[in-house]
Amino acid sequence: MTIERLLSFLQLTLRFRDIYRTIKIPGKVSTENDAEHSYQLAMFAWYINEADALGLDSNKIVRLALVHDFAEVYAGDVDTHTDDLEALRIKPAREEAAREQLKRELPEFVAFHEAMIEYEKRESEEAKLVYAADKMIAELNVYLDNERINIEKGLTIERIRKNKDPKIAISPVMEKYWLEFIPLWEKNYRTERK
């Protein structure tokens, strides 16, 4: 390892920070970036594992959350609620190409690549938890922001649930919280749209 390799890696993490998402930071004008999102997801999933005494590997949960969107450094982010069906269609191929590029650039970071693959396969309980938490956390943040982005985009709960329900169901733990959240969300939605 050389200092040049370390600097190169840091530049890559800065690029990750420059990928902006659709979700606005509650109470702010700006939207969250991938680094903020991944950190929040890591803390969120780790907290659930510990607070609910799930017995899953917390270190693995944190690693999976930190890398889950890293391919977006090269693939970019696509809003799951976009009307651009072509962008949604090519998203998996773009992300796979980005993961391959990352493998070429960081061949020595084997655990990083293994975590990305584990997250994509969603076979381990840790990967299922992180995946479902990722799908849920966006709506929790929008809720904390009084539905601002959903109102701006004209999104309905029905449209969001059609997209999110099957994805969150991959983790029974997250599905339980999702089902607890929906009545709060519906009440807030009705209030904010009046």
Protein backbone atom coordinates (compact mmCIF):
# COMPACT_ATOMS: atom_id res chain seq x y z
CA MET A 1 0.00 0.00 0.00
CA THR A 2 1.21 3.48 -0.80
CA ILE A 3 0.02 6.94 0.16
CA GLU A 4 -1.03 7.39 -3.47
CA ARG A 5 -3.38 4.38 -3.16
CA LEU A 6 -4.82 5.81 0.07
CA LEU A 7 -5.38 9.18 -1.59
CA SER A 8 -7.01 7.49 -4.57
CA PHE A 9 -9.37 5.62 -2.25
CA LEU A 10 -10.24 8.81 -0.40
CA GLN A 11 -11.05 10.48 -3.71
CA LEU A 12 -13.43 7.63 -4.46
CA THR A 13 -15.21 8.16 -1.12
CA LEU A 14 -15.50 11.87 -1.95
CA ARG A 15 -17.13 10.96 -5.26
CA PHE A 16 -19.57 8.79 -3.28
CA ARG A 17 -20.42 11.83 -1.19
CA ASP A 18 -21.16 13.74 -4.41
CA ILE A 19 -23.98 11.38 -5.45
CA TYR A 20 -27.17 13.18 -4.42
CA ARG A 21 -30.44 11.41 -3.84
CA THR A 22 -34.04 12.59 -4.21
CA ILE A 23 -34.82 12.49 -0.49
CA LYS A 24 -34.49 15.86 1.18
CA ILE A 25 -32.87 16.17 4.58
CA PRO A 26 -35.73 16.85 7.00
CA GLY A 27 -36.04 20.58 7.58
CA LYS A 28 -33.35 21.47 5.00
CA VAL A 29 -33.38 22.63 1.41
CA SER A 30 -30.69 20.16 0.36
CA THR A 31 -31.09 16.50 -0.48
CA GLU A 32 -29.09 13.77 1.19
CA ASN A 33 -26.05 12.31 -0.50
CA ASP A 34 -25.09 8.64 -0.73
CA ALA A 35 -22.51 8.88 2.05
CA GLU A 36 -25.02 10.42 4.48
CA HIS A 37 -27.64 7.89 3.47
CA SER A 38 -25.30 4.91 3.87
CA TYR A 39 -24.11 6.11 7.28
CA GLN A 40 -27.70 6.62 8.47
CA LEU A 41 -28.69 3.20 7.14
CA ALA A 42 -25.73 1.55 8.89
CA MET A 43 -26.65 3.15 12.21
CA PHE A 44 -30.36 2.37 11.73
CA ALA A 45 -29.88 -1.32 10.91
CA TRP A 46 -27.23 -1.78 13.60
CA TYR A 47 -29.55 -0.18 16.16
CA ILE A 48 -32.43 -2.49 15.18
CA ASN A 49 -30.19 -5.54 15.46
CA GLU A 50 -28.98 -4.57 18.92
CA ALA A 51 -32.22 -3.11 20.34
CA ASP A 52 -34.30 -6.07 19.16
CA ALA A 53 -31.57 -8.56 20.18
CA LEU A 54 -31.79 -10.21 16.75
CA GLY A 55 -28.44 -11.93 17.18
CA LEU A 56 -27.25 -11.00 13.71
CA ASP A 57 -23.66 -9.99 12.96
CA SER A 58 -23.59 -6.23 13.61
CA ASN A 59 -20.21 -5.81 11.91
CA LYS A 60 -21.60 -7.42 8.76
CA ILE A 61 -24.72 -5.23 8.93
CA VAL A 62 -22.61 -2.07 9.10
CA ARG A 63 -20.35 -3.20 6.23
CA LEU A 64 -23.33 -4.12 4.03
CA ALA A 65 -25.00 -0.78 4.70
CA LEU A 66 -21.83 1.17 3.98
CA VAL A 67 -21.30 -0.49 0.58
CA HIS A 68 -24.90 -1.08 -0.53
CA ASP A 69 -25.00 1.96 -2.87
CA PHE A 70 -21.28 2.38 -3.56
CA ALA A 71 -21.65 1.29 -7.19
CA GLU A 72 -23.53 4.57 -7.68
CA VAL A 73 -20.12 6.27 -7.74
CA TYR A 74 -20.05 5.18 -11.39
CA ALA A 75 -23.66 4.17 -12.08
CA GLY A 76 -25.37 7.20 -10.54
CA ASP A 77 -28.59 7.07 -8.54
CA VAL A 78 -32.01 6.43 -10.03
CA ASP A 79 -35.09 7.43 -8.06
CA THR A 80 -37.27 4.35 -7.59
CA HIS A 81 -40.34 6.49 -8.22
CA THR A 82 -39.13 7.92 -11.52
CA ASP A 83 -41.35 7.78 -14.56
CA ASP A 84 -38.22 7.10 -16.65
CA LEU A 85 -38.78 3.39 -17.23
CA GLU A 86 -35.64 3.10 -19.36
CA ALA A 87 -33.47 4.37 -16.48
CA LEU A 88 -35.05 1.77 -14.19
CA ARG A 89 -34.60 -0.97 -16.80
CA ILE A 90 -30.87 -0.37 -17.32
CA LYS A 91 -30.09 0.36 -13.64
CA PRO A 92 -29.06 -3.24 -12.75
CA ALA A 93 -26.69 -3.50 -15.73
CA ARG A 94 -25.14 -0.10 -14.99
CA GLU A 95 -24.60 -1.04 -11.35
CA GLU A 96 -23.05 -4.39 -12.31
CA ALA A 97 -20.65 -2.60 -14.66
CA ALA A 98 -19.83 -0.15 -11.86
CA ARG A 99 -19.09 -3.02 -9.43
CA GLU A 100 -16.75 -4.53 -12.04
CA GLN A 101 -14.98 -1.19 -12.41
CA LEU A 102 -14.58 -1.00 -8.63
CA LYS A 103 -13.08 -4.51 -8.62
CA ARG A 104 -10.51 -3.41 -11.18
CA GLU A 105 -9.69 -0.24 -9.23
CA LEU A 106 -9.63 -1.84 -5.77
CA PRO A 107 -8.50 -5.45 -6.26
CA GLU A 108 -6.91 -5.51 -2.80
CA PHE A 109 -10.18 -4.62 -1.02
CA VAL A 110 -11.66 -8.12 -1.18
CA ALA A 111 -14.02 -7.73 1.80
CA PHE A 112 -15.53 -4.63 0.17
CA HIS A 113 -16.40 -6.56 -3.00
CA GLU A 114 -17.66 -9.56 -1.03
CA ALA A 115 -19.99 -7.26 0.94
CA MET A 116 -21.34 -5.73 -2.26
CA ILE A 117 -22.07 -9.18 -3.69
CA GLU A 118 -23.65 -10.37 -0.44
CA TYR A 119 -25.92 -7.34 -0.37
CA GLU A 120 -26.97 -7.88 -3.99
CA LYS A 121 -27.72 -11.59 -3.46
CA ARG A 122 -29.81 -10.90 -0.32
CA GLU A 123 -29.36 -14.45 0.96
CA SER A 124 -28.05 -13.76 4.47
CA GLU A 125 -30.35 -12.45 7.19
CA GLU A 126 -28.04 -9.44 7.55
CA ALA A 127 -28.36 -8.59 3.85
CA LYS A 128 -32.15 -8.99 3.98
CA LEU A 129 -32.36 -6.69 7.00
CA VAL A 130 -30.18 -4.01 5.39
CA TYR A 131 -32.02 -4.25 2.06
CA ALA A 132 -35.45 -3.89 3.68
CA ALA A 133 -34.22 -1.14 6.01
CA ASP A 134 -32.87 0.74 2.97
CA LYS A 135 -36.26 0.59 1.30
CA MET A 136 -38.02 1.77 4.46
CA ILE A 137 -35.66 4.49 5.69
CA ALA A 138 -36.41 6.80 2.77
CA GLU A 139 -40.09 6.91 3.67
CA LEU A 140 -39.28 7.41 7.35
CA ASN A 141 -37.14 10.41 6.44
CA VAL A 142 -39.87 11.79 4.18
CA TYR A 143 -42.34 11.32 7.05
CA LEU A 144 -40.00 13.26 9.37
CA ASP A 145 -39.99 16.00 6.73
CA ASN A 146 -43.81 16.20 6.64
CA GLU A 147 -44.04 14.43 3.27
CA ARG A 148 -42.47 17.40 1.45
CA ILE A 149 -40.83 15.49 -1.43
CA ASN A 150 -43.80 13.14 -1.89
CA ILE A 151 -46.16 16.12 -2.08
CA GLU A 152 -43.84 17.91 -4.55
CA LYS A 153 -43.68 14.81 -6.75
CA GLY A 154 -47.38 13.99 -6.41
CA LEU A 155 -46.65 10.53 -5.01
CA THR A 156 -49.46 8.65 -3.32
CA ILE A 157 -49.11 6.15 -0.50
CA GLU A 158 -50.61 3.53 -2.79
CA ARG A 159 -47.91 4.05 -5.44
CA ILE A 160 -45.14 4.02 -2.84
CA ARG A 161 -46.49 0.91 -1.13
CA LYS A 162 -46.81 -0.94 -4.43
CA ASN A 163 -43.08 -0.41 -4.86
CA LYS A 164 -41.96 -0.83 -1.23
CA ASP A 165 -44.20 -3.52 0.33
CA PRO A 166 -42.71 -6.55 -1.47
CA LYS A 167 -39.16 -5.30 -0.98
CA ILE A 168 -39.55 -4.68 2.74
CA ALA A 169 -41.28 -8.05 3.19
CA ILE A 170 -37.92 -9.76 2.58
CA SER A 171 -37.17 -9.08 6.26
CA PRO A 172 -39.89 -10.03 8.77
CA VAL A 173 -38.33 -7.65 11.31
CA MET A 174 -38.51 -4.67 8.96
CA GLU A 175 -41.94 -5.67 7.69
CA LYS A 176 -43.24 -5.58 11.26
CA TYR A 177 -41.98 -2.00 11.66
CA TRP A 178 -43.30 -1.06 8.21
CA LEU A 179 -46.79 -2.29 9.14
CA GLU A 180 -46.60 -0.29 12.40
CA PHE A 181 -45.51 2.78 10.47
CA ILE A 182 -48.25 2.76 7.81
CA PRO A 183 -51.10 4.06 10.05
CA LEU A 184 -48.88 6.94 11.26
CA TRP A 185 -47.85 7.66 7.70
CA GLU A 186 -51.41 7.64 6.39
CA LYS A 187 -52.56 10.02 9.13
CA ASN A 188 -49.62 12.38 8.42
CA TYR A 189 -50.25 12.20 4.68
CA ARG A 190 -53.89 13.20 5.09
CA THR A 191 -52.88 16.10 7.39
CA GLU A 192 -50.12 17.40 5.09
CA ARG A 193 -52.29 17.29 1.96
CA LYS A 194 -55.12 19.39 3.45
